[in-house]
Amino acid sequence: MLICDTAGRLHNKKYLMDELLKIKKVIDRELPDCAKEILIVLDATTGQNAISQVKAFKETVDLTGIVLTKLDGTAKGGVVLGIVSENNIPVKFIGVGEQIDDMEIFNSEEFVNAII
């Protein structure tokens, strides 16, 4: 599993995106027959900037899912609806707190019901 953390605005740094691509190529070369996940970690409070982050990462590596952190309130994370529909990338996990036990498998029905 390759996780792309967007906290440092990596998508604006071409040389770091090139390094990410190199890492993916090494993983593909060394583990050609293994199932792989490439997840982008998005801060739920990022807002519209998350759209450009996903676009940049998707152009560099084939994203298979989203991890949405800081989703400890229903008013946060609304931008993910547009990201998922535009890019056809599912949300796999959500972080609802600061501890490792606060990471949960994403349930779309619960998310939609919380927004409504």
Protein backbone atom coordinates (compact mmCIF):
# COMPACT_ATOMS: atom_id res chain seq x y z
CA MET A 1 0.00 0.00 0.00
CA LEU A 2 1.38 3.36 -1.04
CA ILE A 3 -0.14 6.26 0.86
CA CYS A 4 0.05 9.77 -0.53
CA ASP A 5 -0.26 12.34 2.25
CA THR A 6 -1.26 15.76 0.94
CA ALA A 7 -0.66 17.71 4.15
CA GLY A 8 2.53 19.32 2.85
CA ARG A 9 0.99 20.30 -0.50
CA LEU A 10 3.20 17.77 -2.22
CA HIS A 11 1.22 18.18 -5.43
CA ASN A 12 2.88 21.59 -5.94
CA LYS A 13 6.38 20.13 -5.85
CA LYS A 14 7.20 18.42 -9.15
CA TYR A 15 10.41 16.78 -7.94
CA LEU A 16 8.56 15.18 -5.02
CA MET A 17 5.79 13.95 -7.32
CA ASP A 18 8.53 12.45 -9.52
CA GLU A 19 9.91 10.67 -6.46
CA LEU A 20 6.44 9.30 -5.70
CA LEU A 21 6.28 7.88 -9.22
CA LYS A 22 9.71 6.28 -8.77
CA ILE A 23 8.56 4.63 -5.53
CA LYS A 24 5.51 3.23 -7.30
CA LYS A 25 7.67 1.87 -10.13
CA VAL A 26 10.00 0.13 -7.66
CA ILE A 27 7.05 -1.43 -5.83
CA ASP A 28 5.56 -2.61 -9.14
CA ARG A 29 8.91 -4.07 -10.21
CA GLU A 30 9.64 -5.84 -6.92
CA LEU A 31 6.08 -7.04 -6.22
CA PRO A 32 4.53 -7.50 -9.66
CA ASP A 33 1.90 -10.06 -8.65
CA CYS A 34 0.76 -8.47 -5.38
CA ALA A 35 -2.50 -6.62 -4.95
CA LYS A 36 -1.75 -2.94 -4.41
CA GLU A 37 -3.67 0.01 -3.03
CA ILE A 38 -2.64 3.61 -3.62
CA LEU A 39 -4.50 5.81 -1.18
CA ILE A 40 -4.48 9.57 -0.96
CA VAL A 41 -4.88 11.02 2.53
CA LEU A 42 -7.02 14.16 2.54
CA ASP A 43 -7.72 16.45 5.45
CA ALA A 44 -11.53 16.91 5.59
CA THR A 45 -11.02 20.58 6.41
CA THR A 46 -9.02 21.23 3.21
CA GLY A 47 -12.05 22.23 1.17
CA GLN A 48 -11.80 23.00 -2.53
CA ASN A 49 -7.99 22.64 -2.61
CA ALA A 50 -8.53 18.89 -2.18
CA ILE A 51 -9.91 18.74 -5.73
CA SER A 52 -6.63 19.98 -7.23
CA GLN A 53 -4.66 17.67 -4.94
CA VAL A 54 -6.56 14.59 -6.11
CA LYS A 55 -6.21 15.65 -9.75
CA ALA A 56 -2.44 16.08 -9.45
CA PHE A 57 -1.91 12.79 -7.64
CA LYS A 58 -4.22 10.95 -10.04
CA GLU A 59 -2.13 12.21 -12.97
CA THR A 60 1.03 10.86 -11.31
CA VAL A 61 -0.15 7.55 -9.84
CA ASP A 62 -3.32 5.53 -10.27
CA LEU A 63 -5.18 6.26 -7.03
CA THR A 64 -7.37 3.43 -5.75
CA GLY A 65 -8.93 5.15 -2.77
CA ILE A 66 -9.20 8.05 -0.38
CA VAL A 67 -8.52 8.24 3.35
CA LEU A 68 -10.41 11.21 4.78
CA THR A 69 -9.03 12.48 8.09
CA LYS A 70 -10.34 14.96 10.67
CA LEU A 71 -13.90 13.92 9.94
CA ASP A 72 -15.08 14.50 13.49
CA GLY A 73 -18.07 16.65 12.52
CA THR A 74 -20.81 16.33 9.93
CA ALA A 75 -20.13 19.80 8.49
CA LYS A 76 -16.71 18.67 7.28
CA GLY A 77 -15.85 16.55 4.29
CA GLY A 78 -18.53 17.75 1.90
CA VAL A 79 -15.93 18.35 -0.81
CA VAL A 80 -15.34 14.61 -0.96
CA LEU A 81 -18.68 14.13 -2.72
CA GLY A 82 -17.44 16.10 -5.73
CA ILE A 83 -14.06 14.37 -5.68
CA VAL A 84 -15.61 10.91 -5.65
CA SER A 85 -18.11 11.67 -8.40
CA GLU A 86 -15.62 13.47 -10.68
CA ASN A 87 -12.77 10.99 -10.29
CA ASN A 88 -14.55 7.72 -9.55
CA ILE A 89 -12.26 7.09 -6.56
CA PRO A 90 -13.91 5.57 -3.48
CA VAL A 91 -13.40 6.69 0.11
CA LYS A 92 -11.95 3.66 1.88
CA PHE A 93 -11.27 4.92 5.41
CA ILE A 94 -12.11 7.90 7.61
CA GLY A 95 -10.35 9.30 10.62
CA VAL A 96 -12.71 10.56 13.30
CA GLY A 97 -10.18 11.42 15.97
CA GLU A 98 -6.49 11.56 16.79
CA GLN A 99 -5.82 7.98 17.88
CA ILE A 100 -5.14 4.95 15.69
CA ASP A 101 -8.37 3.39 16.96
CA ASP A 102 -10.23 6.39 15.51
CA MET A 103 -9.63 5.13 11.96
CA GLU A 104 -12.77 3.49 10.55
CA ILE A 105 -13.84 1.78 7.35
CA PHE A 106 -15.93 4.30 5.42
CA ASN A 107 -19.68 3.69 5.35
CA SER A 108 -21.30 5.81 2.64
CA GLU A 109 -24.84 5.39 3.98
CA GLU A 110 -23.85 6.64 7.43
CA PHE A 111 -21.97 9.56 5.86
CA VAL A 112 -24.93 10.64 3.73
CA ASN A 113 -27.37 10.26 6.64
CA ALA A 114 -25.11 12.41 8.83
CA ILE A 115 -25.09 15.17 6.20
CA ILE A 116 -28.86 15.07 5.69
